[in-house]
Amino acid sequence: MLTNSKGFIWVETLIAMTVFISLCTFVLPIYSTIQQHQTIISERSLIGQHLYNELQKQLHEDRNPTYTSTETLVNRTVRIAFSLDGKFVKGCATWTNVKNKQEKLCLYGLSP
């Protein structure tokens, strides 16, 4: 049938490389975005757990109800502040996430 197929194999190789490069162009940015969101979610979870533990200490120990601290958690500088909000103690953590956006997480506890 075909006695000289050198040009056909060259075209097949170019098409395969084009498809491969196109897939890499779309997949790598999506993978990077997924990694960033995974980091943001895990940081938010760890900071939330730490804030919960600090709020429990605040509620069960005799501490000043207006308390502020700055700590380094998960390679982020986190500012934790407690204040009285009516009959509740409000604890808020603020930090800058991987995407350089400011995040804030607040928890409330019933003051004794």
PDB file of N, CA and C in Angstrom:
ATOM      1  N   MET A   1       0.826  -1.194   0.000  1.00  0.00           N
ATOM      2  CA  MET A   1       0.000   0.000   0.000  1.00  0.00           C
ATOM      3  C   MET A   1       0.866   1.252   0.000  1.00  0.00           C
ATOM      4  N   LEU A   2       1.342   1.607   1.226  1.00  0.00           N
ATOM      5  CA  LEU A   2       2.212   2.783   1.318  1.00  0.00           C
ATOM      6  C   LEU A   2       3.659   2.313   1.390  1.00  0.00           C
ATOM      7  N   THR A   3       4.427   2.716   0.453  1.00  0.00           N
ATOM      8  CA  THR A   3       5.828   2.314   0.459  1.00  0.00           C
ATOM      9  C   THR A   3       6.702   3.333   1.160  1.00  0.00           C
ATOM     10  N   ASN A   4       6.302   4.598   1.159  1.00  0.00           N
ATOM     11  CA  ASN A   4       7.077   5.654   1.795  1.00  0.00           C
ATOM     12  C   ASN A   4       6.162   6.358   2.779  1.00  0.00           C
ATOM     13  N   SER A   5       6.271   6.044   4.079  1.00  0.00           N
ATOM     14  CA  SER A   5       5.373   6.620   5.077  1.00  0.00           C
ATOM     15  C   SER A   5       6.101   7.543   6.042  1.00  0.00           C
ATOM     16  N   LYS A   6       7.240   8.092   5.663  1.00  0.00           N
ATOM     17  CA  LYS A   6       8.006   8.961   6.557  1.00  0.00           C
ATOM     18  C   LYS A   6       7.262  10.255   6.861  1.00  0.00           C
ATOM     19  N   GLY A   7       6.608  10.831   5.923  1.00  0.00           N
ATOM     20  CA  GLY A   7       5.850  12.057   6.153  1.00  0.00           C
ATOM     21  C   GLY A   7       4.639  11.827   7.033  1.00  0.00           C
ATOM     22  N   PHE A   8       4.002  10.679   6.884  1.00  0.00           N
ATOM     23  CA  PHE A   8       2.818  10.358   7.686  1.00  0.00           C
ATOM     24  C   PHE A   8       3.192  10.229   9.163  1.00  0.00           C
ATOM     25  N   ILE A   9       4.304   9.563   9.479  1.00  0.00           N
ATOM     26  CA  ILE A   9       4.740   9.410  10.873  1.00  0.00           C
ATOM     27  C   ILE A   9       5.118  10.772  11.455  1.00  0.00           C
ATOM     28  N   TRP A  10       5.715  11.643  10.683  1.00  0.00           N
ATOM     29  CA  TRP A  10       6.082  12.981  11.146  1.00  0.00           C
ATOM     30  C   TRP A  10       4.832  13.781  11.514  1.00  0.00           C
ATOM     31  N   VAL A  11       3.792  13.722  10.693  1.00  0.00           N
ATOM     32  CA  VAL A  11       2.542  14.436  10.968  1.00  0.00           C
ATOM     33  C   VAL A  11       1.865  13.848  12.199  1.00  0.00           C
ATOM     34  N   GLU A  12       1.865  12.537  12.349  1.00  0.00           N
ATOM     35  CA  GLU A  12       1.290  11.903  13.537  1.00  0.00           C
ATOM     36  C   GLU A  12       2.002  12.373  14.807  1.00  0.00           C
ATOM     37  N   THR A  13       3.307  12.436  14.751  1.00  0.00           N
ATOM     38  CA  THR A  13       4.089  12.876  15.904  1.00  0.00           C
ATOM     39  C   THR A  13       3.788  14.334  16.251  1.00  0.00           C
ATOM     40  N   LEU A  14       3.693  15.195  15.271  1.00  0.00           N
ATOM     41  CA  LEU A  14       3.351  16.604  15.522  1.00  0.00           C
ATOM     42  C   LEU A  14       1.973  16.745  16.142  1.00  0.00           C
ATOM     43  N   ILE A  15       1.009  15.994  15.649  1.00  0.00           N
ATOM     44  CA  ILE A  15      -0.346  16.069  16.206  1.00  0.00           C
ATOM     45  C   ILE A  15      -0.352  15.554  17.653  1.00  0.00           C
ATOM     46  N   ALA A  16       0.351  14.458  17.913  1.00  0.00           N
ATOM     47  CA  ALA A  16       0.409  13.921  19.276  1.00  0.00           C
ATOM     48  C   ALA A  16       1.076  14.916  20.224  1.00  0.00           C
ATOM     49  N   MET A  17       2.148  15.551  19.794  1.00  0.00           N
ATOM     50  CA  MET A  17       2.823  16.546  20.633  1.00  0.00           C
ATOM     51  C   MET A  17       1.933  17.753  20.885  1.00  0.00           C
ATOM     52  N   THR A  18       1.188  18.168  19.877  1.00  0.00           N
ATOM     53  CA  THR A  18       0.271  19.304  20.038  1.00  0.00           C
ATOM     54  C   THR A  18      -0.805  18.978  21.064  1.00  0.00           C
ATOM     55  N   VAL A  19      -1.367  17.783  21.002  1.00  0.00           N
ATOM     56  CA  VAL A  19      -2.386  17.369  21.971  1.00  0.00           C
ATOM     57  C   VAL A  19      -1.780  17.309  23.372  1.00  0.00           C
ATOM     58  N   PHE A  20      -0.593  16.751  23.503  1.00  0.00           N
ATOM     59  CA  PHE A  20       0.071  16.639  24.800  1.00  0.00           C
ATOM     60  C   PHE A  20       0.363  18.014  25.396  1.00  0.00           C
ATOM     61  N   ILE A  21       0.890  18.921  24.610  1.00  0.00           N
ATOM     62  CA  ILE A  21       1.202  20.273  25.092  1.00  0.00           C
ATOM     63  C   ILE A  21      -0.079  21.014  25.459  1.00  0.00           C
ATOM     64  N   SER A  22      -1.139  20.837  24.695  1.00  0.00           N
ATOM     65  CA  SER A  22      -2.417  21.478  25.017  1.00  0.00           C
ATOM     66  C   SER A  22      -2.956  20.970  26.352  1.00  0.00           C
ATOM     67  N   LEU A  23      -2.889  19.671  26.569  1.00  0.00           N
ATOM     68  CA  LEU A  23      -3.345  19.122  27.851  1.00  0.00           C
ATOM     69  C   LEU A  23      -2.521  19.656  29.011  1.00  0.00           C
ATOM     70  N   CYS A  24      -1.210  19.709  28.844  1.00  0.00           N
ATOM     71  CA  CYS A  24      -0.350  20.248  29.912  1.00  0.00           C
ATOM     72  C   CYS A  24      -0.656  21.717  30.187  1.00  0.00           C
ATOM     73  N   THR A  25      -0.956  22.459  29.139  1.00  0.00           N
ATOM     74  CA  THR A  25      -1.274  23.877  29.297  1.00  0.00           C
ATOM     75  C   THR A  25      -2.537  24.087  30.122  1.00  0.00           C
ATOM     76  N   PHE A  26      -3.488  23.181  30.009  1.00  0.00           N
ATOM     77  CA  PHE A  26      -4.733  23.310  30.766  1.00  0.00           C
ATOM     78  C   PHE A  26      -4.650  22.665  32.141  1.00  0.00           C
ATOM     79  N   VAL A  27      -3.939  21.573  32.275  1.00  0.00           N
ATOM     80  CA  VAL A  27      -3.931  20.819  33.523  1.00  0.00           C
ATOM     81  C   VAL A  27      -3.037  21.451  34.583  1.00  0.00           C
ATOM     82  N   LEU A  28      -1.881  21.956  34.237  1.00  0.00           N
ATOM     83  CA  LEU A  28      -0.953  22.496  35.235  1.00  0.00           C
ATOM     84  C   LEU A  28      -1.514  23.701  36.003  1.00  0.00           C
ATOM     85  N   PRO A  29      -2.133  24.690  35.357  1.00  0.00           N
ATOM     86  CA  PRO A  29      -2.729  25.778  36.148  1.00  0.00           C
ATOM     87  C   PRO A  29      -3.879  25.311  37.050  1.00  0.00           C
ATOM     88  N   ILE A  30      -4.652  24.360  36.572  1.00  0.00           N
ATOM     89  CA  ILE A  30      -5.746  23.831  37.397  1.00  0.00           C
ATOM     90  C   ILE A  30      -5.176  23.116  38.612  1.00  0.00           C
ATOM     91  N   TYR A  31      -4.130  22.337  38.425  1.00  0.00           N
ATOM     92  CA  TYR A  31      -3.485  21.641  39.530  1.00  0.00           C
ATOM     93  C   TYR A  31      -2.922  22.630  40.548  1.00  0.00           C
ATOM     94  N   SER A  32      -2.311  23.699  40.072  1.00  0.00           N
ATOM     95  CA  SER A  32      -1.770  24.726  40.968  1.00  0.00           C
ATOM     96  C   SER A  32      -2.878  25.385  41.787  1.00  0.00           C
ATOM     97  N   THR A  33      -3.989  25.679  41.149  1.00  0.00           N
ATOM     98  CA  THR A  33      -5.126  26.289  41.846  1.00  0.00           C
ATOM     99  C   THR A  33      -5.687  25.330  42.893  1.00  0.00           C
ATOM    100  N   ILE A  34      -5.781  24.069  42.562  1.00  0.00           N
ATOM    101  CA  ILE A  34      -6.283  23.079  43.516  1.00  0.00           C
ATOM    102  C   ILE A  34      -5.348  22.985  44.721  1.00  0.00           C
ATOM    103  N   GLN A  35      -4.053  23.017  44.488  1.00  0.00           N
ATOM    104  CA  GLN A  35      -3.083  22.978  45.585  1.00  0.00           C
ATOM    105  C   GLN A  35      -3.239  24.196  46.497  1.00  0.00           C
ATOM    106  N   GLN A  36      -3.439  25.377  45.911  1.00  0.00           N
ATOM    107  CA  GLN A  36      -3.631  26.584  46.721  1.00  0.00           C
ATOM    108  C   GLN A  36      -4.887  26.465  47.575  1.00  0.00           C
ATOM    109  N   HIS A  37      -5.978  25.997  46.985  1.00  0.00           N
ATOM    110  CA  HIS A  37      -7.224  25.863  47.748  1.00  0.00           C
ATOM    111  C   HIS A  37      -7.085  24.811  48.845  1.00  0.00           C
ATOM    112  N   GLN A  38      -6.358  23.752  48.575  1.00  0.00           N
ATOM    113  CA  GLN A  38      -6.126  22.738  49.591  1.00  0.00           C
ATOM    114  C   GLN A  38      -5.343  23.326  50.764  1.00  0.00           C
ATOM    115  N   THR A  39      -4.338  24.143  50.470  1.00  0.00           N
ATOM    116  CA  THR A  39      -3.558  24.792  51.529  1.00  0.00           C
ATOM    117  C   THR A  39      -4.422  25.750  52.326  1.00  0.00           C
ATOM    118  N   ILE A  40      -5.260  26.534  51.648  1.00  0.00           N
ATOM    119  CA  ILE A  40      -6.137  27.486  52.329  1.00  0.00           C
ATOM    120  C   ILE A  40      -7.095  26.753  53.265  1.00  0.00           C
ATOM    121  N   ILE A  41      -7.679  25.658  52.807  1.00  0.00           N
ATOM    122  CA  ILE A  41      -8.643  24.916  53.626  1.00  0.00           C
ATOM    123  C   ILE A  41      -7.963  24.288  54.831  1.00  0.00           C
ATOM    124  N   SER A  42      -6.783  23.713  54.643  1.00  0.00           N
ATOM    125  CA  SER A  42      -6.102  23.091  55.779  1.00  0.00           C
ATOM    126  C   SER A  42      -5.648  24.144  56.792  1.00  0.00           C
ATOM    127  N   GLU A  43      -5.165  25.305  56.309  1.00  0.00           N
ATOM    128  CA  GLU A  43      -4.788  26.384  57.235  1.00  0.00           C
ATOM    129  C   GLU A  43      -6.000  26.877  58.007  1.00  0.00           C
ATOM    130  N   ARG A  44      -7.115  27.059  57.318  1.00  0.00           N
ATOM    131  CA  ARG A  44      -8.336  27.530  57.971  1.00  0.00           C
ATOM    132  C   ARG A  44      -8.779  26.552  59.054  1.00  0.00           C
ATOM    133  N   SER A  45      -8.662  25.262  58.771  1.00  0.00           N
ATOM    134  CA  SER A  45      -9.042  24.246  59.750  1.00  0.00           C
ATOM    135  C   SER A  45      -8.132  24.281  60.976  1.00  0.00           C
ATOM    136  N   LEU A  46      -6.824  24.343  60.760  1.00  0.00           N
ATOM    137  CA  LEU A  46      -5.891  24.371  61.885  1.00  0.00           C
ATOM    138  C   LEU A  46      -6.033  25.640  62.720  1.00  0.00           C
ATOM    139  N   ILE A  47      -6.210  26.763  62.066  1.00  0.00           N
ATOM    140  CA  ILE A  47      -6.384  28.021  62.799  1.00  0.00           C
ATOM    141  C   ILE A  47      -7.703  27.996  63.563  1.00  0.00           C
ATOM    142  N   GLY A  48      -8.743  27.430  62.958  1.00  0.00           N
ATOM    143  CA  GLY A  48     -10.027  27.305  63.650  1.00  0.00           C
ATOM    144  C   GLY A  48      -9.930  26.428  64.888  1.00  0.00           C
ATOM    145  N   GLN A  49      -9.195  25.328  64.800  1.00  0.00           N
ATOM    146  CA  GLN A  49      -8.997  24.466  65.967  1.00  0.00           C
ATOM    147  C   GLN A  49      -8.230  25.202  67.067  1.00  0.00           C
ATOM    148  N   HIS A  50      -7.200  25.944  66.672  1.00  0.00           N
ATOM    149  CA  HIS A  50      -6.435  26.697  67.664  1.00  0.00           C
ATOM    150  C   HIS A  50      -7.303  27.782  68.313  1.00  0.00           C
ATOM    151  N   LEU A  51      -8.096  28.467  67.509  1.00  0.00           N
ATOM    152  CA  LEU A  51      -8.988  29.495  68.053  1.00  0.00           C
ATOM    153  C   LEU A  51      -9.994  28.878  69.019  1.00  0.00           C
ATOM    154  N   TYR A  52     -10.520  27.706  68.678  1.00  0.00           N
ATOM    155  CA  TYR A  52     -11.461  27.016  69.568  1.00  0.00           C
ATOM    156  C   TYR A  52     -10.797  26.685  70.904  1.00  0.00           C
ATOM    157  N   ASN A  53      -9.572  26.155  70.849  1.00  0.00           N
ATOM    158  CA  ASN A  53      -8.859  25.831  72.087  1.00  0.00           C
ATOM    159  C   ASN A  53      -8.599  27.079  72.929  1.00  0.00           C
ATOM    160  N   GLU A  54      -8.212  28.168  72.285  1.00  0.00           N
ATOM    161  CA  GLU A  54      -7.976  29.417  73.022  1.00  0.00           C
ATOM    162  C   GLU A  54      -9.272  29.965  73.607  1.00  0.00           C
ATOM    163  N   LEU A  55     -10.378  29.827  72.879  1.00  0.00           N
ATOM    164  CA  LEU A  55     -11.674  30.285  73.392  1.00  0.00           C
ATOM    165  C   LEU A  55     -12.087  29.478  74.611  1.00  0.00           C
ATOM    166  N   GLN A  56     -11.836  28.169  74.597  1.00  0.00           N
ATOM    167  CA  GLN A  56     -12.153  27.336  75.754  1.00  0.00           C
ATOM    168  C   GLN A  56     -11.326  27.757  76.966  1.00  0.00           C
ATOM    169  N   LYS A  57     -10.042  28.043  76.747  1.00  0.00           N
ATOM    170  CA  LYS A  57      -9.205  28.538  77.843  1.00  0.00           C
ATOM    171  C   LYS A  57      -9.760  29.857  78.365  1.00  0.00           C
ATOM    172  N   GLN A  58     -10.173  30.718  77.452  1.00  0.00           N
ATOM    173  CA  GLN A  58     -10.709  32.031  77.817  1.00  0.00           C
ATOM    174  C   GLN A  58     -11.976  31.880  78.669  1.00  0.00           C
ATOM    175  N   LEU A  59     -12.826  30.924  78.313  1.00  0.00           N
ATOM    176  CA  LEU A  59     -14.100  30.755  79.019  1.00  0.00           C
ATOM    177  C   LEU A  59     -13.933  30.084  80.378  1.00  0.00           C
ATOM    178  N   HIS A  60     -12.992  29.157  80.503  1.00  0.00           N
ATOM    179  CA  HIS A  60     -12.891  28.359  81.721  1.00  0.00           C
ATOM    180  C   HIS A  60     -11.808  28.819  82.681  1.00  0.00           C
ATOM    181  N   GLU A  61     -11.005  29.769  82.305  1.00  0.00           N
ATOM    182  CA  GLU A  61     -10.011  30.325  83.205  1.00  0.00           C
ATOM    183  C   GLU A  61     -10.368  31.777  83.460  1.00  0.00           C
ATOM    184  N   ASP A  62      -9.904  32.292  84.569  1.00  0.00           N
ATOM    185  CA  ASP A  62     -10.148  33.701  84.879  1.00  0.00           C
ATOM    186  C   ASP A  62      -9.162  34.559  84.108  1.00  0.00           C
ATOM    187  N   ARG A  63      -9.568  34.977  82.925  1.00  0.00           N
ATOM    188  CA  ARG A  63      -8.726  35.820  82.086  1.00  0.00           C
ATOM    189  C   ARG A  63      -9.441  37.131  81.802  1.00  0.00           C
ATOM    190  N   ASN A  64      -8.663  38.077  81.382  1.00  0.00           N
ATOM    191  CA  ASN A  64      -9.210  39.354  80.951  1.00  0.00           C
ATOM    192  C   ASN A  64     -10.068  39.105  79.701  1.00  0.00           C
ATOM    193  N   PRO A  65     -11.339  39.558  79.696  1.00  0.00           N
ATOM    194  CA  PRO A  65     -12.197  39.275  78.541  1.00  0.00           C
ATOM    195  C   PRO A  65     -11.766  39.992  77.259  1.00  0.00           C
ATOM    196  N   THR A  66     -10.960  41.023  77.368  1.00  0.00           N
ATOM    197  CA  THR A  66     -10.439  41.679  76.166  1.00  0.00           C
ATOM    198  C   THR A  66      -8.967  41.314  76.053  1.00  0.00           C
ATOM    199  N   TYR A  67      -8.692  40.307  75.286  1.00  0.00           N
ATOM    200  CA  TYR A  67      -7.363  39.712  75.203  1.00  0.00           C
ATOM    201  C   TYR A  67      -6.972  39.626  73.739  1.00  0.00           C
ATOM    202  N   THR A  68      -5.740  40.042  73.416  1.00  0.00           N
ATOM    203  CA  THR A  68      -5.259  39.998  72.036  1.00  0.00           C
ATOM    204  C   THR A  68      -3.866  39.390  72.019  1.00  0.00           C
ATOM    205  N   SER A  69      -3.626  38.516  71.057  1.00  0.00           N
ATOM    206  CA  SER A  69      -2.288  37.949  70.904  1.00  0.00           C
ATOM    207  C   SER A  69      -1.981  37.771  69.426  1.00  0.00           C
ATOM    208  N   THR A  70      -0.713  37.727  69.121  1.00  0.00           N
ATOM    209  CA  THR A  70      -0.260  37.470  67.756  1.00  0.00           C
ATOM    210  C   THR A  70       0.638  36.250  67.806  1.00  0.00           C
ATOM    211  N   GLU A  71       0.306  35.241  67.019  1.00  0.00           N
ATOM    212  CA  GLU A  71       1.045  33.991  67.034  1.00  0.00           C
ATOM    213  C   GLU A  71       1.395  33.582  65.611  1.00  0.00           C
ATOM    214  N   THR A  72       2.355  32.711  65.490  1.00  0.00           N
ATOM    215  CA  THR A  72       2.702  32.146  64.182  1.00  0.00           C
ATOM    216  C   THR A  72       2.194  30.714  64.137  1.00  0.00           C
ATOM    217  N   LEU A  73       1.218  30.480  63.293  1.00  0.00           N
ATOM    218  CA  LEU A  73       0.643  29.155  63.098  1.00  0.00           C
ATOM    219  C   LEU A  73       0.719  28.818  61.618  1.00  0.00           C
ATOM    220  N   VAL A  74       1.025  27.586  61.293  1.00  0.00           N
ATOM    221  CA  VAL A  74       1.103  27.087  59.911  1.00  0.00           C
ATOM    222  C   VAL A  74       1.802  28.082  58.979  1.00  0.00           C
ATOM    223  N   ASN A  75       2.921  28.614  59.443  1.00  0.00           N
ATOM    224  CA  ASN A  75       3.732  29.569  58.674  1.00  0.00           C
ATOM    225  C   ASN A  75       2.979  30.855  58.347  1.00  0.00           C
ATOM    226  N   ARG A  76       2.005  31.206  59.143  1.00  0.00           N
ATOM    227  CA  ARG A  76       1.240  32.441  58.968  1.00  0.00           C
ATOM    228  C   ARG A  76       1.217  33.186  60.300  1.00  0.00           C
ATOM    229  N   THR A  77       1.238  34.504  60.222  1.00  0.00           N
ATOM    230  CA  THR A  77       1.071  35.317  61.418  1.00  0.00           C
ATOM    231  C   THR A  77      -0.423  35.502  61.640  1.00  0.00           C
ATOM    232  N   VAL A  78      -0.890  35.012  62.782  1.00  0.00           N
ATOM    233  CA  VAL A  78      -2.315  35.014  63.093  1.00  0.00           C
ATOM    234  C   VAL A  78      -2.544  35.915  64.293  1.00  0.00           C
ATOM    235  N   ARG A  79      -3.484  36.832  64.156  1.00  0.00           N
ATOM    236  CA  ARG A  79      -3.854  37.728  65.263  1.00  0.00           C
ATOM    237  C   ARG A  79      -5.148  37.204  65.855  1.00  0.00           C
ATOM    238  N   ILE A  80      -5.112  36.881  67.144  1.00  0.00           N
ATOM    239  CA  ILE A  80      -6.287  36.366  67.842  1.00  0.00           C
ATOM    240  C   ILE A  80      -6.718  37.408  68.857  1.00  0.00           C
ATOM    241  N   ALA A  81      -7.983  37.785  68.803  1.00  0.00           N
ATOM    242  CA  ALA A  81      -8.507  38.808  69.709  1.00  0.00           C
ATOM    243  C   ALA A  81      -9.808  38.310  70.327  1.00  0.00           C
ATOM    244  N   PHE A  82      -9.961  38.563  71.619  1.00  0.00           N
ATOM    245  CA  PHE A  82     -11.185  38.217  72.341  1.00  0.00           C
ATOM    246  C   PHE A  82     -11.813  39.489  72.873  1.00  0.00           C
ATOM    247  N   SER A  83     -13.123  39.540  72.819  1.00  0.00           N
ATOM    248  CA  SER A  83     -13.846  40.694  73.357  1.00  0.00           C
ATOM    249  C   SER A  83     -15.202  40.235  73.860  1.00  0.00           C
ATOM    250  N   LEU A  84     -15.818  41.063  74.691  1.00  0.00           N
ATOM    251  CA  LEU A  84     -17.167  40.771  75.176  1.00  0.00           C
ATOM    252  C   LEU A  84     -18.177  41.328  74.190  1.00  0.00           C
ATOM    253  N   ASP A  85     -19.155  40.515  73.852  1.00  0.00           N
ATOM    254  CA  ASP A  85     -20.223  40.907  72.935  1.00  0.00           C
ATOM    255  C   ASP A  85     -21.539  40.532  73.605  1.00  0.00           C
ATOM    256  N   GLY A  86     -22.007  41.430  74.479  1.00  0.00           N
ATOM    257  CA  GLY A  86     -23.194  41.116  75.270  1.00  0.00           C
ATOM    258  C   GLY A  86     -22.839  40.079  76.316  1.00  0.00           C
ATOM    259  N   LYS A  87     -23.571  38.959  76.315  1.00  0.00           N
ATOM    260  CA  LYS A  87     -23.261  37.895  77.272  1.00  0.00           C
ATOM    261  C   LYS A  87     -22.343  36.827  76.663  1.00  0.00           C
ATOM    262  N   PHE A  88     -21.807  37.110  75.496  1.00  0.00           N
ATOM    263  CA  PHE A  88     -20.924  36.170  74.816  1.00  0.00           C
ATOM    264  C   PHE A  88     -19.488  36.696  74.773  1.00  0.00           C
ATOM    265  N   VAL A  89     -18.559  35.768  74.737  1.00  0.00           N
ATOM    266  CA  VAL A  89     -17.166  36.105  74.487  1.00  0.00           C
ATOM    267  C   VAL A  89     -16.917  35.805  73.010  1.00  0.00           C
ATOM    268  N   LYS A  90     -16.453  36.808  72.289  1.00  0.00           N
ATOM    269  CA  LYS A  90     -16.212  36.678  70.854  1.00  0.00           C
ATOM    270  C   LYS A  90     -14.708  36.538  70.634  1.00  0.00           C
ATOM    271  N   GLY A  91     -14.324  35.470  69.968  1.00  0.00           N
ATOM    272  CA  GLY A  91     -12.924  35.252  69.630  1.00  0.00           C
ATOM    273  C   GLY A  91     -12.760  35.268  68.120  1.00  0.00           C
ATOM    274  N   CYS A  92     -11.877  36.110  67.622  1.00  0.00           N
ATOM    275  CA  CYS A  92     -11.661  36.229  66.178  1.00  0.00           C
ATOM    276  C   CYS A  92     -10.184  36.038  65.853  1.00  0.00           C
ATOM    277  N   ALA A  93      -9.939  35.323  64.775  1.00  0.00           N
ATOM    278  CA  ALA A  93      -8.579  35.138  64.260  1.00  0.00           C
ATOM    279  C   ALA A  93      -8.521  35.754  62.872  1.00  0.00           C
ATOM    280  N   THR A  94      -7.505  36.561  62.614  1.00  0.00           N
ATOM    281  CA  THR A  94      -7.312  37.157  61.293  1.00  0.00           C
ATOM    282  C   THR A  94      -5.911  36.820  60.799  1.00  0.00           C
ATOM    283  N   TRP A  95      -5.804  36.534  59.508  1.00  0.00           N
ATOM    284  CA  TRP A  95      -4.528  36.192  58.898  1.00  0.00           C
ATOM    285  C   TRP A  95      -4.599  36.430  57.402  1.00  0.00           C
ATOM    286  N   THR A  96      -3.449  36.386  56.752  1.00  0.00           N
ATOM    287  CA  THR A  96      -3.360  36.518  55.298  1.00  0.00           C
ATOM    288  C   THR A  96      -3.073  35.136  54.728  1.00  0.00           C
ATOM    289  N   ASN A  97      -3.911  34.687  53.788  1.00  0.00           N
ATOM    290  CA  ASN A  97      -3.772  33.325  53.258  1.00  0.00           C
ATOM    291  C   ASN A  97      -2.766  33.262  52.112  1.00  0.00           C
ATOM    292  N   VAL A  98      -2.688  32.119  51.457  1.00  0.00           N
ATOM    293  CA  VAL A  98      -1.720  31.874  50.391  1.00  0.00           C
ATOM    294  C   VAL A  98      -1.921  32.827  49.217  1.00  0.00           C
ATOM    295  N   LYS A  99      -3.151  33.199  48.952  1.00  0.00           N
ATOM    296  CA  LYS A  99      -3.456  34.102  47.840  1.00  0.00           C
ATOM    297  C   LYS A  99      -3.349  35.570  48.240  1.00  0.00           C
ATOM    298  N   ASN A 100      -2.749  35.852  49.400  1.00  0.00           N
ATOM    299  CA  ASN A 100      -2.585  37.199  49.945  1.00  0.00           C
ATOM    300  C   ASN A 100      -3.919  37.911  50.158  1.00  0.00           C
ATOM    301  N   LYS A 101      -4.925  37.154  50.532  1.00  0.00           N
ATOM    302  CA  LYS A 101      -6.226  37.727  50.897  1.00  0.00           C
ATOM    303  C   LYS A 101      -6.390  37.616  52.403  1.00  0.00           C
ATOM    304  N   GLN A 102      -6.976  38.649  52.971  1.00  0.00           N
ATOM    305  CA  GLN A 102      -7.205  38.694  54.406  1.00  0.00           C
ATOM    306  C   GLN A 102      -8.383  37.784  54.754  1.00  0.00           C
ATOM    307  N   GLU A 103      -8.190  36.906  55.739  1.00  0.00           N
ATOM    308  CA  GLU A 103      -9.262  36.025  56.195  1.00  0.00           C
ATOM    309  C   GLU A 103      -9.550  36.300  57.656  1.00  0.00           C
ATOM    310  N   LYS A 104     -10.803  36.072  58.038  1.00  0.00           N
ATOM    311  CA  LYS A 104     -11.211  36.272  59.422  1.00  0.00           C
ATOM    312  C   LYS A 104     -12.159  35.146  59.817  1.00  0.00           C
ATOM    313  N   LEU A 105     -11.918  34.573  60.986  1.00  0.00           N
ATOM    314  CA  LEU A 105     -12.753  33.501  61.508  1.00  0.00           C
ATOM    315  C   LEU A 105     -13.115  33.868  62.941  1.00  0.00           C
ATOM    316  N   CYS A 106     -14.409  33.873  63.245  1.00  0.00           N
ATOM    317  CA  CYS A 106     -14.860  34.229  64.599  1.00  0.00           C
ATOM    318  C   CYS A 106     -15.669  33.088  65.207  1.00  0.00           C
ATOM    319  N   LEU A 107     -15.464  32.892  66.497  1.00  0.00           N
ATOM    320  CA  LEU A 107     -16.237  31.916  67.281  1.00  0.00           C
ATOM    321  C   LEU A 107     -16.787  32.632  68.503  1.00  0.00           C
ATOM    322  N   TYR A 108     -17.944  32.175  68.959  1.00  0.00           N
ATOM    323  CA  TYR A 108     -18.574  32.760  70.133  1.00  0.00           C
ATOM    324  C   TYR A 108     -18.725  31.710  71.210  1.00  0.00           C
ATOM    325  N   GLY A 109     -18.601  32.160  72.462  1.00  0.00           N
ATOM    326  CA  GLY A 109     -18.818  31.292  73.603  1.00  0.00           C
ATOM    327  C   GLY A 109     -19.599  32.037  74.663  1.00  0.00           C
ATOM    328  N   LEU A 110     -20.446  31.319  75.381  1.00  0.00           N
ATOM    329  CA  LEU A 110     -21.261  31.921  76.426  1.00  0.00           C
ATOM    330  C   LEU A 110     -20.393  32.165  77.656  1.00  0.00           C
ATOM    331  N   SER A 111     -20.308  33.433  78.050  1.00  0.00           N
ATOM    332  CA  SER A 111     -19.451  33.773  79.192  1.00  0.00           C
ATOM    333  C   SER A 111     -20.103  33.272  80.488  1.00  0.00           C
ATOM    334  N   PRO A 112     -19.262  32.788  81.414  1.00  0.00           N
ATOM    335  CA  PRO A 112     -19.807  32.242  82.665  1.00  0.00           C
ATOM    336  C   PRO A 112     -20.382  33.286  83.576  1.00  0.00           C
TER     337      PRO A 112
END
